[in-house]
Amino acid sequence: MIFKSLTSKVIVISIGLLAFGISLFALLNLKRERAQLVTSAREGSDLLLQTIERSIYNSMRIGNTEETQTILEMVAQSQKLLAVRIFHPHGVVLKSSRPAEIGKPVNLEDYQLYLNNRYEGITYADQHGEVLRMIKPIYNTDQCHTCHGHKTKVIGVLNVNYSLAETKRRMFEVTKLFAISTIATIAFLSIAITFVMFRLVRSPLNRIIESMARVEEGDLSVRMIHGKKDEVGRLVSSFNSMIERLQVTKKELDVFHFNQMERADRLASIGEMAAGIAHEIKNPLTGIASAITIINDDYPSSDPRKEILGEVLEQVKRLDKAVNDLLFFGKPTQPEPTCTDLNATLSKTLLFASQHRGSKGGSIEKSLDLQADLPPVYVDPKQMQQVFLNLILNAIQAMQNGGVLTIRTSLLERDNKKWVRASIADTGPGIPEQILGKIFTPFFTTKAQGTGLGLAICHKLVEQQGGSISVESENGNGTTFHIDLPATTTEEHTGEVSGPGYEGLT
């Protein structure tokens, strides 16, 4: 549980690194101190050898062996010197601070040093522990020729056995001192680091966490105070600034939400009222249209009143279409989806649109660019025909002076999903940038006789099919509408691929 806390992790890692660094430093210092103690003992023994050599030189030069023996015994009175001796190159003790050794073979360890041409070595003795053994050959100089002749190069070997017990004791004391000081230093610094981390890091972080929990519960009046200008102080300052911005944003969202709810309520009321009014208007319009049609049929084709009645019928049809749009927008019908071939739907919709008044004539060129082998889409074909027909008629009406109407299909892949795209493009004057974002808004229109519901209905119908509609346009360079619908397969649905029908199109 402790290692789930960031502060605890930092404390443990810091103490671990600190302990490792201090221990390594102490170990290196201890090793250096021990090496210095051994070096000091070695230098002391070497100095003793030279002193003994100089002391016995005169006695040996004149052959006074008794004085040499006396000097060795006097020198060996120190407790650190276990033995001082002179042995023959053949390994027999000639003189020794221990008279009992004289005439006996020298210790094997000392003799091995001479045989191996080494001058010192450390071995372990049962009674004395570690012993520093040093030798120094006594060469046959001119002064020694009187007694020893001149054939032998080495006439003896001066040997000293120096006890390292005192040195080991001092090394143990140094080791203990280093261990105690290292542990004390690590403990003190660990306590200090823990205190600093808890005081300067963990406590402020806990206060920030508590404040954030209160904010999460919805209390945006929380503010924190931190007098220091360190990183935690800057974090607290940023936290307070964030809460202030959240408070302002929440107030703006509350106002916006209230306005949207109020607007939605008004739109719902208007929609219900419009649907009711449209329903009340539709029945009389049907009767008026029927009556005028009967009257119109009674007049001969040459009667000028027939033209007037025809114009009245045209206006009645326009009113009927506006009423139908209002009824659909107020209460849209639910889609009845089936697997649909979009290419076939577009082809037949274009054929139907070509019969519409205003699209006849050769001034508008129609181009079909349909991608083969498109997968089907799961949509309501009647509703999609209504969308395509509305967009095609809008494109035709936009090209008053002629142009090119292009209908294109393609297969796209977006968000690891396949989409079938239908694009309807015209070469008309385009849509000004300032109104491009408003064209799908209900009741927004730039036409003198428009209701402003055509594109809004298209947008709603496409969204009902699970697709999306978008527009690209530059003022003076034409307009292109893109309808993207999710691709499907016939195996995913029980229905067969459906062709278009034209029921309900007006």
Protein backbone atom coordinates (compact mmCIF):
# COMPACT_ATOMS: atom_id res chain seq x y z
CA MET A 1 0.00 0.00 0.00
CA ILE A 2 2.86 2.34 0.83
CA PHE A 3 4.31 2.05 -2.68
CA LYS A 4 1.08 3.37 -4.22
CA SER A 5 1.99 6.79 -2.84
CA LEU A 6 4.22 8.95 -5.03
CA THR A 7 5.76 10.59 -1.96
CA SER A 8 6.60 7.22 -0.43
CA LYS A 9 8.17 6.05 -3.68
CA VAL A 10 10.32 9.19 -3.88
CA ILE A 11 11.36 8.82 -0.22
CA VAL A 12 12.27 5.14 -0.58
CA ILE A 13 14.17 5.70 -3.84
CA SER A 14 16.01 8.75 -2.42
CA ILE A 15 16.99 6.92 0.77
CA GLY A 16 18.05 3.87 -1.23
CA LEU A 17 20.25 5.93 -3.55
CA LEU A 18 21.62 7.89 -0.61
CA ALA A 19 22.42 4.72 1.36
CA PHE A 20 24.07 3.18 -1.68
CA GLY A 21 26.18 6.29 -2.35
CA ILE A 22 27.25 6.79 1.27
CA SER A 23 27.96 3.07 1.75
CA LEU A 24 30.04 2.94 -1.41
CA PHE A 25 31.97 6.03 -0.37
CA ALA A 26 32.51 4.60 3.14
CA LEU A 27 33.61 1.25 1.70
CA LEU A 28 36.16 2.90 -0.57
CA ASN A 29 37.48 4.99 2.34
CA LEU A 30 37.64 1.92 4.57
CA LYS A 31 39.53 0.02 1.92
CA ARG A 32 41.95 2.91 1.56
CA GLU A 33 42.45 3.14 5.35
CA ARG A 34 43.13 -0.57 5.63
CA ALA A 35 45.59 -0.40 2.78
CA GLN A 36 47.33 2.50 4.53
CA LEU A 37 47.59 0.52 7.78
CA VAL A 38 49.13 -2.47 6.00
CA THR A 39 51.48 -0.16 4.09
CA SER A 40 52.47 1.51 7.35
CA ALA A 41 53.26 -1.89 8.91
CA ARG A 42 55.24 -2.88 5.83
CA GLU A 43 57.23 0.36 5.84
CA GLY A 44 57.89 -0.04 9.57
CA SER A 45 59.17 -3.59 9.07
CA ASP A 46 61.34 -2.52 6.15
CA LEU A 47 62.80 0.31 8.22
CA LEU A 48 63.46 -2.16 11.03
CA LEU A 49 65.28 -4.46 8.62
CA GLN A 50 67.53 -1.65 7.47
CA THR A 51 68.19 -0.60 11.07
CA ILE A 52 69.09 -4.14 12.13
CA GLU A 53 71.29 -4.52 9.07
CA ARG A 54 73.20 -1.38 9.91
CA SER A 55 73.43 -2.37 13.60
CA ILE A 56 74.95 -5.79 12.97
CA TYR A 57 77.12 -4.73 10.04
CA ASN A 58 80.16 -3.75 12.11
CA SER A 59 79.89 -6.79 14.39
CA MET A 60 79.69 -9.15 11.43
CA ARG A 61 82.51 -7.39 9.64
CA ILE A 62 84.93 -8.17 12.46
CA GLY A 63 83.42 -11.64 13.08
CA ASN A 64 81.92 -10.77 16.50
CA THR A 65 78.99 -13.21 16.34
CA GLU A 66 78.12 -12.88 20.03
CA GLU A 67 77.41 -9.17 19.66
CA THR A 68 75.25 -9.89 16.61
CA GLN A 69 73.20 -12.39 18.61
CA THR A 70 72.83 -9.86 21.43
CA ILE A 71 71.59 -7.18 19.02
CA LEU A 72 68.98 -9.55 17.55
CA GLU A 73 67.69 -10.48 21.00
CA MET A 74 67.48 -6.82 22.05
CA VAL A 75 65.61 -5.78 18.93
CA ALA A 76 63.06 -8.60 19.28
CA GLN A 77 61.91 -7.43 22.72
CA SER A 78 59.00 -5.58 21.04
CA GLN A 79 55.68 -7.52 21.12
CA LYS A 80 55.10 -6.79 17.44
CA LEU A 81 58.33 -8.58 16.45
CA LEU A 82 57.77 -12.30 16.68
CA ALA A 83 61.26 -13.22 15.49
CA VAL A 84 64.38 -11.66 14.00
CA ARG A 85 66.86 -14.12 12.53
CA ILE A 86 69.63 -14.66 10.05
CA PHE A 87 69.49 -17.91 8.12
CA HIS A 88 71.86 -19.52 5.65
CA PRO A 89 70.85 -19.58 1.97
CA HIS A 90 70.45 -23.34 2.47
CA GLY A 91 67.73 -22.76 5.04
CA VAL A 92 69.53 -23.24 8.39
CA VAL A 93 69.10 -20.60 11.12
CA LEU A 94 72.49 -18.99 11.93
CA LYS A 95 71.42 -16.28 14.39
CA SER A 96 67.99 -15.65 15.96
CA SER A 97 66.25 -13.65 18.63
CA ARG A 98 65.05 -17.10 19.70
CA PRO A 99 68.22 -18.99 20.59
CA ALA A 100 66.37 -22.29 20.42
CA GLU A 101 66.02 -21.91 16.65
CA ILE A 102 69.75 -21.68 15.98
CA GLY A 103 70.97 -24.61 13.91
CA LYS A 104 67.45 -25.65 12.93
CA PRO A 105 65.70 -25.25 9.56
CA VAL A 106 64.00 -21.92 9.11
CA ASN A 107 60.20 -21.73 8.72
CA LEU A 108 59.04 -22.96 5.34
CA GLU A 109 57.09 -19.72 4.68
CA ASP A 110 60.22 -17.59 5.21
CA TYR A 111 62.42 -19.87 3.13
CA GLN A 112 59.88 -19.93 0.28
CA LEU A 113 60.13 -16.14 0.08
CA TYR A 114 63.86 -16.44 -0.50
CA LEU A 115 63.54 -19.26 -3.00
CA ASN A 116 60.85 -17.38 -4.94
CA ASN A 117 62.96 -14.23 -4.95
CA ARG A 118 60.32 -12.34 -2.98
CA TYR A 119 61.03 -9.93 -0.16
CA GLU A 120 57.76 -10.00 1.76
CA GLY A 121 54.55 -11.90 2.29
CA ILE A 122 51.63 -12.23 4.67
CA THR A 123 50.71 -15.64 6.11
CA TYR A 124 48.53 -16.90 8.93
CA ALA A 125 49.98 -18.38 12.12
CA ASP A 126 47.84 -20.28 14.59
CA GLN A 127 49.05 -18.43 17.69
CA HIS A 128 49.71 -15.00 16.25
CA GLY A 129 47.15 -14.56 13.47
CA GLU A 130 48.37 -12.77 10.34
CA VAL A 131 52.15 -12.35 10.20
CA LEU A 132 54.11 -10.09 7.87
CA ARG A 133 57.27 -11.96 6.83
CA MET A 134 60.11 -9.94 5.31
CA ILE A 135 63.59 -11.00 4.18
CA LYS A 136 66.69 -9.11 3.09
CA PRO A 137 69.66 -10.97 1.58
CA ILE A 138 73.10 -10.18 3.04
CA TYR A 139 75.47 -9.98 0.12
CA ASN A 140 79.15 -10.96 0.26
CA THR A 141 80.98 -7.61 0.07
CA ASP A 142 84.72 -7.00 0.07
CA GLN A 143 84.76 -6.65 3.88
CA CYS A 144 83.18 -10.11 4.18
CA HIS A 145 85.75 -11.89 2.03
CA THR A 146 88.07 -12.38 5.03
CA CYS A 147 85.67 -14.81 6.73
CA HIS A 148 83.47 -16.04 3.90
CA GLY A 149 85.75 -15.96 0.89
CA HIS A 150 84.62 -14.54 -2.39
CA LYS A 151 82.87 -17.49 -4.04
CA THR A 152 79.45 -17.10 -2.42
CA LYS A 153 77.28 -14.18 -3.49
CA VAL A 154 74.80 -14.34 -0.59
CA ILE A 155 76.25 -15.24 2.81
CA GLY A 156 72.98 -14.99 4.77
CA VAL A 157 69.40 -13.81 4.80
CA LEU A 158 68.08 -11.35 7.37
CA ASN A 159 64.51 -12.33 8.28
CA VAL A 160 61.87 -10.45 10.31
CA ASN A 161 58.43 -11.78 11.39
CA TYR A 162 56.14 -8.87 12.22
CA SER A 163 52.77 -9.50 13.91
CA LEU A 164 49.80 -7.76 12.28
CA ALA A 165 47.53 -8.34 15.29
CA GLU A 166 47.73 -4.70 16.36
CA THR A 167 47.21 -3.59 12.79
CA LYS A 168 44.14 -5.86 12.50
CA ARG A 169 42.78 -4.46 15.75
CA ARG A 170 43.15 -0.92 14.47
CA MET A 171 41.56 -1.97 11.18
CA PHE A 172 38.59 -3.41 13.07
CA GLU A 173 38.20 -0.18 15.04
CA VAL A 174 38.35 1.85 11.84
CA THR A 175 35.76 -0.44 10.23
CA LYS A 176 33.45 -0.15 13.22
CA LEU A 177 33.85 3.62 13.24
CA PHE A 178 33.04 3.84 9.54
CA ALA A 179 30.02 1.53 9.91
CA ILE A 180 28.59 3.48 12.84
CA SER A 181 29.16 6.84 11.18
CA THR A 182 27.66 5.56 7.89
CA ILE A 183 24.55 4.18 9.60
CA ALA A 184 24.15 7.36 11.64
CA THR A 185 24.54 9.56 8.56
CA ILE A 186 22.06 7.50 6.54
CA ALA A 187 19.54 7.48 9.39
CA PHE A 188 19.83 11.24 9.91
CA LEU A 189 19.51 12.04 6.21
CA SER A 190 16.61 9.57 5.83
CA ILE A 191 14.71 11.27 8.63
CA ALA A 192 15.49 14.67 7.14
CA ILE A 193 14.38 13.63 3.63
CA THR A 194 11.18 12.06 4.98
CA PHE A 195 10.36 15.17 6.98
CA VAL A 196 11.02 17.47 4.02
CA MET A 197 8.98 15.33 1.60
CA PHE A 198 6.02 15.08 3.98
CA ARG A 199 6.20 18.73 4.95
CA LEU A 200 6.84 20.33 1.57
CA VAL A 201 5.36 17.84 -0.92
CA ARG A 202 2.89 15.34 0.52
CA SER A 203 0.89 17.76 2.67
CA PRO A 204 0.31 20.27 -0.19
CA LEU A 205 -0.52 17.43 -2.59
CA ASN A 206 -3.06 16.00 -0.13
CA ARG A 207 -4.65 19.43 0.19
CA ILE A 208 -4.84 19.70 -3.60
CA ILE A 209 -6.39 16.21 -3.84
CA GLU A 210 -8.99 17.09 -1.18
CA SER A 211 -9.78 20.33 -3.01
CA MET A 212 -10.13 18.51 -6.33
CA ALA A 213 -12.49 16.00 -4.69
CA ARG A 214 -14.66 18.90 -3.53
CA VAL A 215 -14.60 20.37 -7.05
CA GLU A 216 -15.57 16.95 -8.46
CA GLU A 217 -18.59 17.00 -6.14
CA GLY A 218 -19.60 20.34 -7.68
CA ASP A 219 -18.18 22.86 -5.19
CA LEU A 220 -16.51 25.50 -7.39
CA SER A 221 -15.97 27.91 -4.49
CA VAL A 222 -12.84 25.99 -3.43
CA ARG A 223 -9.66 28.05 -3.30
CA MET A 224 -6.22 27.13 -1.98
CA ILE A 225 -3.56 29.26 -0.28
CA HIS A 226 0.16 28.52 -0.56
CA GLY A 227 2.52 31.33 0.37
CA LYS A 228 5.67 29.95 -1.24
CA LYS A 229 6.59 30.62 -4.89
CA ASP A 230 7.92 27.14 -5.59
CA GLU A 231 6.57 24.46 -7.93
CA VAL A 232 3.77 23.58 -5.52
CA GLY A 233 2.90 27.27 -5.25
CA ARG A 234 2.65 27.53 -9.04
CA LEU A 235 0.53 24.36 -9.08
CA VAL A 236 -1.82 25.84 -6.47
CA SER A 237 -2.00 29.08 -8.45
CA SER A 238 -2.84 27.15 -11.63
CA PHE A 239 -5.45 25.14 -9.72
CA ASN A 240 -7.14 28.31 -8.46
CA SER A 241 -7.04 29.81 -11.95
CA MET A 242 -8.55 26.65 -13.43
CA ILE A 243 -11.38 26.64 -10.87
CA GLU A 244 -12.12 30.30 -11.60
CA ARG A 245 -12.33 29.56 -15.33
CA LEU A 246 -14.50 26.53 -14.63
CA GLN A 247 -16.80 28.68 -12.53
CA VAL A 248 -17.12 31.25 -15.30
CA THR A 249 -17.62 28.52 -17.92
CA LYS A 250 -20.28 26.82 -15.77
CA LYS A 251 -22.21 30.08 -15.49
CA GLU A 252 -21.99 30.58 -19.26
CA LEU A 253 -23.09 26.97 -19.86
CA ASP A 254 -26.01 27.39 -17.47
CA VAL A 255 -27.12 30.51 -19.32
CA PHE A 256 -26.60 28.82 -22.70
CA HIS A 257 -28.43 25.68 -21.57
CA PHE A 258 -31.33 27.77 -20.28
CA ASN A 259 -31.52 29.66 -23.58
CA GLN A 260 -31.34 26.42 -25.57
CA MET A 261 -34.05 24.80 -23.49
CA GLU A 262 -36.19 27.89 -23.83
CA ARG A 263 -35.57 27.94 -27.59
CA ALA A 264 -36.25 24.22 -27.90
CA ASP A 265 -39.48 24.64 -25.97
CA ARG A 266 -40.52 27.49 -28.27
CA LEU A 267 -39.56 25.47 -31.37
CA ALA A 268 -41.52 22.49 -30.09
CA SER A 269 -44.54 24.69 -29.50
CA ILE A 270 -44.15 26.29 -32.92
CA GLY A 271 -43.74 22.86 -34.50
CA GLU A 272 -46.90 21.55 -32.89
CA MET A 273 -48.78 24.71 -33.84
CA ALA A 274 -47.42 24.60 -37.42
CA ALA A 275 -48.35 20.94 -37.77
CA GLY A 276 -51.86 21.69 -36.49
CA ILE A 277 -52.29 24.68 -38.78
CA ALA A 278 -50.84 22.78 -41.75
CA HIS A 279 -53.25 19.93 -41.13
CA GLU A 280 -56.18 22.35 -41.00
CA ILE A 281 -55.01 24.08 -44.21
CA LYS A 282 -54.32 20.90 -46.17
CA ASN A 283 -57.93 19.68 -46.31
CA PRO A 284 -59.39 22.97 -47.65
CA LEU A 285 -56.53 23.21 -50.16
CA THR A 286 -57.39 19.77 -51.48
CA GLY A 287 -60.98 20.84 -51.93
CA ILE A 288 -59.99 24.11 -53.62
CA ALA A 289 -57.61 22.28 -55.99
CA SER A 290 -60.33 19.78 -56.92
CA ALA A 291 -62.91 22.50 -57.52
CA ILE A 292 -60.59 24.62 -59.68
CA THR A 293 -59.57 21.55 -61.66
CA ILE A 294 -63.24 20.81 -62.45
CA ILE A 295 -63.90 24.44 -63.40
CA ASN A 296 -60.72 24.52 -65.51
CA ASP A 297 -61.82 21.46 -67.42
CA ASP A 298 -65.11 23.18 -68.35
CA TYR A 299 -63.40 26.00 -70.21
CA PRO A 300 -62.07 25.55 -73.74
CA SER A 301 -58.36 25.83 -74.28
CA SER A 302 -58.77 29.18 -76.02
CA ASP A 303 -60.51 30.80 -73.05
CA PRO A 304 -58.18 33.31 -71.31
CA ARG A 305 -59.69 32.35 -67.98
CA LYS A 306 -58.13 28.88 -68.34
CA GLU A 307 -54.64 30.40 -68.02
CA ILE A 308 -55.69 32.23 -64.86
CA LEU A 309 -57.12 29.04 -63.37
CA GLY A 310 -53.89 27.20 -64.26
CA GLU A 311 -51.88 29.78 -62.38
CA VAL A 312 -54.21 29.41 -59.39
CA LEU A 313 -53.70 25.63 -59.46
CA GLU A 314 -49.91 26.14 -59.56
CA GLN A 315 -50.09 28.37 -56.47
CA VAL A 316 -52.34 25.86 -54.71
CA LYS A 317 -49.74 23.11 -55.42
CA ARG A 318 -47.00 25.36 -54.02
CA LEU A 319 -49.06 25.92 -50.86
CA ASP A 320 -49.68 22.18 -50.64
CA LYS A 321 -45.94 21.47 -50.83
CA ALA A 322 -45.23 24.03 -48.08
CA VAL A 323 -47.92 22.40 -45.91
CA ASN A 324 -46.43 18.96 -46.55
CA ASP A 325 -42.97 20.23 -45.56
CA LEU A 326 -44.38 21.70 -42.35
CA LEU A 327 -46.14 18.46 -41.52
CA PHE A 328 -43.04 16.37 -42.19
CA PHE A 329 -40.72 18.69 -40.22
CA GLY A 330 -43.13 18.84 -37.29
CA LYS A 331 -43.64 15.05 -37.21
CA PRO A 332 -41.25 13.13 -39.50
CA THR A 333 -42.13 9.56 -40.46
CA GLN A 334 -39.94 6.74 -39.19
CA PRO A 335 -37.62 5.21 -41.83
CA GLU A 336 -38.21 1.73 -43.19
CA PRO A 337 -34.65 0.68 -44.08
CA THR A 338 -33.69 -2.04 -46.49
CA CYS A 339 -30.52 -2.94 -48.39
CA THR A 340 -30.43 -0.42 -51.23
CA ASP A 341 -28.29 -0.02 -54.35
CA LEU A 342 -27.40 3.67 -54.21
CA ASN A 343 -26.32 3.82 -57.87
CA ALA A 344 -29.71 2.61 -59.06
CA THR A 345 -31.50 5.01 -56.70
CA LEU A 346 -29.52 7.98 -58.01
CA SER A 347 -30.01 7.01 -61.68
CA LYS A 348 -33.78 6.72 -61.38
CA THR A 349 -34.03 9.84 -59.22
CA LEU A 350 -32.17 11.81 -61.88
CA LEU A 351 -34.53 10.43 -64.54
CA PHE A 352 -37.50 11.54 -62.48
CA ALA A 353 -35.99 14.98 -61.81
CA SER A 354 -35.40 15.45 -65.56
CA GLN A 355 -39.16 15.46 -66.08
CA HIS A 356 -39.58 18.32 -63.64
CA ARG A 357 -40.50 21.69 -65.12
CA GLY A 358 -37.42 23.90 -65.14
CA SER A 359 -35.00 21.06 -65.72
CA LYS A 360 -36.06 20.44 -69.30
CA GLY A 361 -34.07 21.90 -72.11
CA GLY A 362 -30.52 21.52 -73.27
CA SER A 363 -28.94 24.31 -71.26
CA ILE A 364 -28.01 21.98 -68.35
CA GLU A 365 -25.68 19.08 -69.01
CA LYS A 366 -26.12 16.05 -66.74
CA SER A 367 -23.13 13.82 -65.90
CA LEU A 368 -23.28 10.48 -64.06
CA ASP A 369 -20.01 9.14 -62.61
CA LEU A 370 -21.06 6.08 -60.60
CA GLN A 371 -18.46 3.72 -59.16
CA ALA A 372 -19.12 0.11 -60.03
CA ASP A 373 -19.44 -2.71 -57.47
CA LEU A 374 -20.45 -0.43 -54.62
CA PRO A 375 -21.69 -2.27 -51.52
CA PRO A 376 -25.34 -1.68 -50.61
CA VAL A 377 -26.47 0.73 -47.91
CA TYR A 378 -29.13 0.00 -45.29
CA VAL A 379 -31.50 2.96 -45.72
CA ASP A 380 -35.10 3.86 -46.46
CA PRO A 381 -35.01 4.21 -50.29
CA LYS A 382 -38.06 6.49 -50.42
CA GLN A 383 -36.59 8.96 -47.94
CA MET A 384 -33.20 8.92 -49.70
CA GLN A 385 -34.96 9.58 -53.03
CA GLN A 386 -36.58 12.59 -51.40
CA VAL A 387 -33.14 13.82 -50.29
CA PHE A 388 -31.53 13.31 -53.71
CA LEU A 389 -34.50 14.83 -55.57
CA ASN A 390 -34.42 17.94 -53.38
CA LEU A 391 -30.65 18.39 -53.86
CA ILE A 392 -30.83 17.79 -57.63
CA LEU A 393 -33.69 20.26 -58.07
CA ASN A 394 -31.82 22.85 -55.96
CA ALA A 395 -28.74 22.36 -58.18
CA ILE A 396 -30.82 22.76 -61.35
CA GLN A 397 -32.48 25.90 -59.99
CA ALA A 398 -29.06 27.32 -59.11
CA MET A 399 -27.94 27.11 -62.76
CA GLN A 400 -30.39 29.60 -64.35
CA ASN A 401 -28.00 30.28 -67.22
CA GLY A 402 -27.04 26.66 -67.82
CA GLY A 403 -24.18 24.54 -66.49
CA VAL A 404 -23.15 21.01 -65.57
CA LEU A 405 -24.90 18.82 -63.01
CA THR A 406 -22.54 16.06 -61.83
CA ILE A 407 -23.66 13.08 -59.77
CA ARG A 408 -20.82 10.92 -58.49
CA THR A 409 -20.52 7.92 -56.13
CA SER A 410 -17.43 6.54 -54.43
CA LEU A 411 -16.33 4.22 -51.63
CA LEU A 412 -14.51 5.74 -48.65
CA GLU A 413 -12.85 4.29 -45.55
CA ARG A 414 -13.01 6.35 -42.38
CA ASP A 415 -12.57 5.34 -38.73
CA ASN A 416 -11.95 1.72 -39.85
CA LYS A 417 -15.36 1.67 -41.49
CA LYS A 418 -16.49 1.74 -45.12
CA TRP A 419 -18.79 4.52 -46.31
CA VAL A 420 -20.63 5.00 -49.59
CA ARG A 421 -20.52 8.64 -50.70
CA ALA A 422 -22.96 10.28 -53.08
CA SER A 423 -21.88 13.72 -54.36
CA ILE A 424 -24.20 16.15 -56.18
CA ALA A 425 -22.33 19.10 -57.72
CA ASP A 426 -23.41 22.07 -59.81
CA THR A 427 -21.55 24.87 -61.56
CA GLY A 428 -23.86 27.59 -60.34
CA PRO A 429 -22.93 30.80 -58.50
CA GLY A 430 -22.15 28.98 -55.25
CA ILE A 431 -23.15 29.87 -51.69
CA PRO A 432 -21.66 32.94 -49.98
CA GLU A 433 -19.41 32.08 -47.06
CA GLN A 434 -21.43 34.14 -44.57
CA ILE A 435 -24.55 31.98 -45.06
CA LEU A 436 -22.87 28.61 -45.74
CA GLY A 437 -23.18 27.55 -42.10
CA LYS A 438 -26.89 28.40 -41.94
CA ILE A 439 -28.26 26.46 -44.90
CA PHE A 440 -29.41 23.49 -42.78
CA THR A 441 -31.16 25.75 -40.26
CA PRO A 442 -34.97 25.36 -40.32
CA PHE A 443 -36.89 28.23 -42.00
CA PHE A 444 -33.67 29.79 -43.35
CA THR A 445 -33.99 30.49 -47.10
CA THR A 446 -32.76 32.91 -49.75
CA LYS A 447 -35.54 32.07 -52.20
CA ALA A 448 -38.52 34.39 -52.56
CA GLN A 449 -40.99 31.49 -52.57
CA GLY A 450 -39.07 29.00 -50.39
CA THR A 451 -40.11 27.68 -46.98
CA GLY A 452 -36.55 27.16 -45.69
CA LEU A 453 -37.33 23.54 -44.78
CA GLY A 454 -35.95 21.63 -47.78
CA LEU A 455 -32.32 21.29 -46.66
CA ALA A 456 -33.34 20.99 -42.99
CA ILE A 457 -35.51 18.01 -43.92
CA CYS A 458 -32.67 16.51 -45.99
CA HIS A 459 -30.32 16.87 -43.02
CA LYS A 460 -32.81 15.16 -40.69
CA LEU A 461 -33.50 12.33 -43.16
CA VAL A 462 -29.80 11.57 -43.72
CA GLU A 463 -29.12 11.54 -39.97
CA GLN A 464 -32.06 9.14 -39.50
CA GLN A 465 -30.27 6.71 -41.85
CA GLY A 466 -27.08 6.88 -39.74
CA GLY A 467 -25.26 9.02 -42.32
CA SER A 468 -24.04 12.58 -42.63
CA ILE A 469 -24.44 15.42 -45.12
CA SER A 470 -21.91 18.15 -45.79
CA VAL A 471 -21.43 20.94 -48.31
CA GLU A 472 -18.49 22.49 -50.12
CA SER A 473 -18.93 25.76 -51.93
CA GLU A 474 -17.06 28.84 -53.07
CA ASN A 475 -18.88 31.98 -54.05
CA GLY A 476 -18.94 31.95 -57.85
CA ASN A 477 -17.48 28.43 -58.25
CA GLY A 478 -20.41 26.09 -57.74
CA THR A 479 -21.60 23.90 -54.88
CA THR A 480 -21.13 20.22 -53.98
CA PHE A 481 -23.22 18.29 -51.45
CA HIS A 482 -21.75 15.06 -50.03
CA ILE A 483 -23.99 12.38 -48.49
CA ASP A 484 -22.05 9.67 -46.64
CA LEU A 485 -23.90 6.46 -45.71
CA PRO A 486 -22.45 3.41 -43.91
CA ALA A 487 -21.84 0.48 -46.24
CA THR A 488 -23.35 -2.90 -45.39
CA THR A 489 -23.79 -6.38 -46.83
CA THR A 490 -26.93 -8.31 -47.71
CA GLU A 491 -25.90 -11.04 -45.25
CA GLU A 492 -26.21 -8.60 -42.37
CA HIS A 493 -29.91 -8.00 -43.04
CA THR A 494 -32.77 -10.21 -44.03
CA GLY A 495 -34.10 -7.90 -46.77
CA GLU A 496 -33.00 -8.10 -50.37
CA VAL A 497 -31.32 -5.29 -52.25
CA SER A 498 -34.05 -2.83 -53.04
CA GLY A 499 -34.46 -0.51 -55.97
CA PRO A 500 -36.03 2.92 -55.62
CA GLY A 501 -39.71 3.66 -55.42
CA TYR A 502 -41.30 7.01 -55.99
CA GLU A 503 -44.25 6.90 -53.64
CA GLY A 504 -44.63 10.01 -51.57
CA LEU A 505 -42.53 12.22 -53.84
CA THR A 506 -44.15 15.58 -54.63
